[in-house]
Amino acid sequence: MWLSDINFDGESVSGVLVNSPNWVKSVKKGGSVRVPVNEIKDWIYAISRVAFGGYTVNLIRSRMKRQELQEHDAAWGLNFGDPSKVRVTPDPGVGDGMVKSWFSGQPADTRGHPMSVNMAASLKEQLANNPELISSTNDRGWTLLHQEALAGSAPTVKVLLEAGADPTGRTNDGKTPFTTGPVAAGTMSSRS
């Protein structure tokens, strides 16, 4: 089953079902679906028509002849690459630990994605100019700290904590920034 309009809250992936299930009768095309992340066994996302993930699809692709493989990829409109080498992130080595940690339960790499590292200085400046950003929440009660922790952005989490963000603040459903995402415990525990 495939979803669009994806949302991830640190525990579940939700979205709109874009196909009609063959066997499952409890959901229909166009319906809202919510799946705990630990129940997801395979996934695919695409950036600029390049596919990432797709372990099952790549297993099937590995059994195809060259012409069949090209037709398959053209039908999807995606570049899956070599079926024996599943891409997890756009830039090999950057963020691989974070994505793997979401699906394996292993600790994440806390060095941070280059974008997060590069954002840290501008976030610090923004917070100095607009300190209410530290405690403002969205309609689900999430602060910037909750969102950056969920994204695994250790450098921006550090900036937010240094600026006084509350690591014990709770969302509407009771999550703290520490429990929303894969940022390593050391980053949060230093202030909690």
Protein backbone atom coordinates (compact mmCIF):
# COMPACT_ATOMS: atom_id res chain seq x y z
CA MET A 1 0.00 0.00 0.00
CA TRP A 2 1.30 3.47 -0.86
CA LEU A 3 0.72 6.73 1.01
CA SER A 4 0.89 10.38 0.02
CA ASP A 5 0.76 13.50 2.20
CA ILE A 6 3.08 11.76 4.65
CA ASN A 7 3.44 12.88 8.26
CA PHE A 8 5.73 11.38 10.91
CA ASP A 9 5.26 12.19 14.59
CA GLY A 10 8.13 10.14 15.97
CA GLU A 11 5.97 7.06 16.54
CA SER A 12 3.70 6.63 13.53
CA VAL A 13 3.64 7.42 9.84
CA SER A 14 0.32 8.73 8.59
CA GLY A 15 -0.98 9.73 5.21
CA VAL A 16 -3.58 9.20 2.52
CA LEU A 17 -3.83 5.79 0.84
CA VAL A 18 -3.21 6.23 -2.90
CA ASN A 19 -4.09 2.72 -4.10
CA SER A 20 -6.79 0.13 -3.51
CA PRO A 21 -5.55 -2.68 -1.26
CA ASN A 22 -5.90 -6.21 -2.66
CA TRP A 23 -6.64 -8.04 0.58
CA VAL A 24 -7.02 -5.53 3.40
CA LYS A 25 -10.66 -4.48 3.70
CA SER A 26 -10.38 -2.09 6.66
CA VAL A 27 -9.00 0.77 4.53
CA LYS A 28 -9.81 2.16 1.09
CA LYS A 29 -8.11 4.32 -1.51
CA GLY A 30 -8.28 7.96 -0.41
CA GLY A 31 -8.67 7.03 3.24
CA SER A 32 -6.41 8.18 6.07
CA VAL A 33 -3.95 5.60 7.34
CA ARG A 34 -1.73 5.61 10.44
CA VAL A 35 0.96 2.96 10.91
CA PRO A 36 3.36 2.62 13.85
CA VAL A 37 6.91 3.00 12.49
CA ASN A 38 7.99 -0.33 14.01
CA GLU A 39 5.42 -2.10 11.78
CA ILE A 40 6.89 -0.70 8.56
CA LYS A 41 9.02 -3.35 6.92
CA ASP A 42 9.86 -1.56 3.67
CA TRP A 43 9.63 1.98 2.34
CA ILE A 44 10.52 4.12 -0.67
CA TYR A 45 10.91 7.84 -1.05
CA ALA A 46 12.10 9.78 -4.08
CA ILE A 47 14.01 13.01 -4.54
CA SER A 48 14.31 14.39 -8.07
CA ARG A 49 13.09 11.05 -9.47
CA VAL A 50 15.82 9.09 -7.65
CA ALA A 51 14.46 6.29 -5.44
CA PHE A 52 15.74 5.57 -1.93
CA GLY A 53 14.86 2.46 0.05
CA GLY A 54 12.65 -0.05 -1.73
CA TYR A 55 14.27 -3.26 -0.54
CA THR A 56 11.41 -5.45 -1.83
CA VAL A 57 11.26 -3.64 -5.19
CA ASN A 58 15.02 -4.02 -5.59
CA LEU A 59 14.84 -7.73 -4.78
CA ILE A 60 12.27 -8.13 -7.56
CA ARG A 61 14.38 -5.92 -9.86
CA SER A 62 17.47 -8.05 -9.19
CA ARG A 63 15.69 -11.00 -10.85
CA MET A 64 14.84 -9.05 -14.02
CA LYS A 65 16.69 -9.08 -17.31
CA ARG A 66 18.16 -5.75 -18.47
CA GLN A 67 15.27 -4.84 -20.85
CA GLU A 68 12.63 -5.76 -18.25
CA LEU A 69 14.51 -3.71 -15.63
CA GLN A 70 14.53 -0.64 -17.89
CA GLU A 71 10.80 -1.02 -18.61
CA HIS A 72 10.05 -1.41 -14.92
CA ASP A 73 11.98 1.72 -13.95
CA ALA A 74 10.42 3.72 -16.80
CA ALA A 75 6.93 2.67 -15.66
CA TRP A 76 7.70 3.96 -12.17
CA GLY A 77 9.36 7.07 -13.57
CA LEU A 78 12.17 6.62 -11.04
CA ASN A 79 15.87 5.85 -11.11
CA PHE A 80 16.31 2.92 -8.72
CA GLY A 81 19.98 2.39 -9.62
CA ASP A 82 21.78 -0.91 -9.12
CA PRO A 83 19.32 -3.42 -7.59
CA SER A 84 22.08 -4.92 -5.45
CA LYS A 85 22.85 -1.57 -3.77
CA VAL A 86 19.85 -0.01 -2.04
CA ARG A 87 20.28 3.74 -1.52
CA VAL A 88 19.08 4.98 1.87
CA THR A 89 20.02 8.67 1.71
CA PRO A 90 20.90 11.05 -1.12
CA ASP A 91 24.55 11.50 -0.18
CA PRO A 92 26.21 8.21 0.83
CA GLY A 93 27.44 8.40 4.40
CA VAL A 94 25.55 11.59 5.31
CA GLY A 95 22.54 10.80 7.46
CA ASP A 96 22.73 7.03 6.85
CA GLY A 97 23.07 6.51 10.60
CA MET A 98 19.98 8.62 11.29
CA VAL A 99 17.71 6.79 8.84
CA LYS A 100 19.04 3.40 9.95
CA SER A 101 18.44 4.36 13.58
CA TRP A 102 14.76 5.04 12.87
CA PHE A 103 14.24 1.53 11.55
CA SER A 104 16.73 -0.45 13.64
CA GLY A 105 16.39 1.10 17.09
CA GLN A 106 20.15 1.74 17.14
CA PRO A 107 21.54 5.08 18.37
CA ALA A 108 21.83 7.80 15.75
CA ASP A 109 24.98 9.53 14.53
CA THR A 110 24.99 12.91 16.32
CA ARG A 111 27.38 14.79 14.01
CA GLY A 112 24.36 15.95 12.06
CA HIS A 113 23.37 16.39 8.47
CA PRO A 114 25.37 19.15 6.73
CA MET A 115 22.17 21.21 6.31
CA SER A 116 21.56 21.05 10.06
CA VAL A 117 25.18 22.01 10.77
CA ASN A 118 24.90 24.93 8.34
CA MET A 119 21.55 26.05 9.81
CA ALA A 120 22.84 26.23 13.38
CA ALA A 121 24.42 29.71 13.07
CA SER A 122 21.41 31.27 11.34
CA LEU A 123 19.05 29.67 13.88
CA LYS A 124 21.11 31.17 16.70
CA GLU A 125 20.79 34.59 15.06
CA GLN A 126 17.04 34.14 14.50
CA LEU A 127 16.51 33.21 18.15
CA ALA A 128 18.47 36.27 19.29
CA ASN A 129 16.23 38.49 17.15
CA ASN A 130 13.00 36.66 17.93
CA PRO A 131 13.29 34.85 21.32
CA GLU A 132 9.59 33.87 21.39
CA LEU A 133 10.39 31.28 18.70
CA ILE A 134 11.95 29.16 21.45
CA SER A 135 8.62 28.54 23.20
CA SER A 136 6.06 28.97 20.39
CA THR A 137 4.07 25.83 19.50
CA ASN A 138 2.07 24.58 16.55
CA ASP A 139 -1.49 23.21 16.74
CA ARG A 140 -0.16 19.87 18.09
CA GLY A 141 1.84 21.57 20.84
CA TRP A 142 5.21 20.98 19.14
CA THR A 143 8.02 23.49 19.72
CA LEU A 144 11.05 23.97 17.45
CA LEU A 145 12.94 21.73 19.86
CA HIS A 146 10.41 18.89 19.38
CA GLN A 147 10.67 19.26 15.59
CA GLU A 148 14.46 19.42 15.46
CA ALA A 149 14.79 16.45 17.83
CA LEU A 150 12.43 14.43 15.64
CA ALA A 151 14.46 15.40 12.55
CA GLY A 152 17.62 14.24 14.29
CA SER A 153 19.24 17.65 13.91
CA ALA A 154 21.75 17.54 16.75
CA PRO A 155 23.44 20.89 15.89
CA THR A 156 20.14 22.81 15.90
CA VAL A 157 18.96 20.97 19.01
CA LYS A 158 22.13 22.14 20.74
CA VAL A 159 21.48 25.76 19.66
CA LEU A 160 17.90 25.59 20.95
CA LEU A 161 18.97 24.13 24.30
CA GLU A 162 21.68 26.76 24.70
CA ALA A 163 19.05 29.43 23.97
CA GLY A 164 16.86 28.10 26.79
CA ALA A 165 14.44 25.75 25.02
CA ASP A 166 12.65 23.50 27.49
CA PRO A 167 13.64 19.83 27.03
CA THR A 168 10.78 18.80 29.34
CA GLY A 169 8.04 20.63 27.40
CA ARG A 170 5.21 18.34 26.34
CA THR A 171 3.19 18.18 23.13
CA ASN A 172 -0.60 17.86 23.22
CA ASP A 173 -0.16 14.09 23.34
CA GLY A 174 2.50 14.19 26.08
CA LYS A 175 5.75 13.83 24.13
CA THR A 176 8.88 15.63 25.26
CA PRO A 177 11.57 16.63 22.75
CA PHE A 178 13.63 13.74 24.10
CA THR A 179 10.91 11.21 23.26
CA THR A 180 10.00 12.57 19.82
CA GLY A 181 13.01 11.57 17.83
CA PRO A 182 16.34 9.93 17.25
CA VAL A 183 18.69 12.64 18.57
CA ALA A 184 21.11 10.91 20.90
CA ALA A 185 20.37 11.00 24.60
CA GLY A 186 23.66 12.76 25.35
CA THR A 187 22.53 15.87 23.52
CA MET A 188 19.39 16.19 25.60
CA SER A 189 20.54 14.82 28.93
CA SER A 190 23.21 17.48 29.28
CA ARG A 191 20.43 20.00 29.98
CA SER A 192 17.64 17.88 31.45
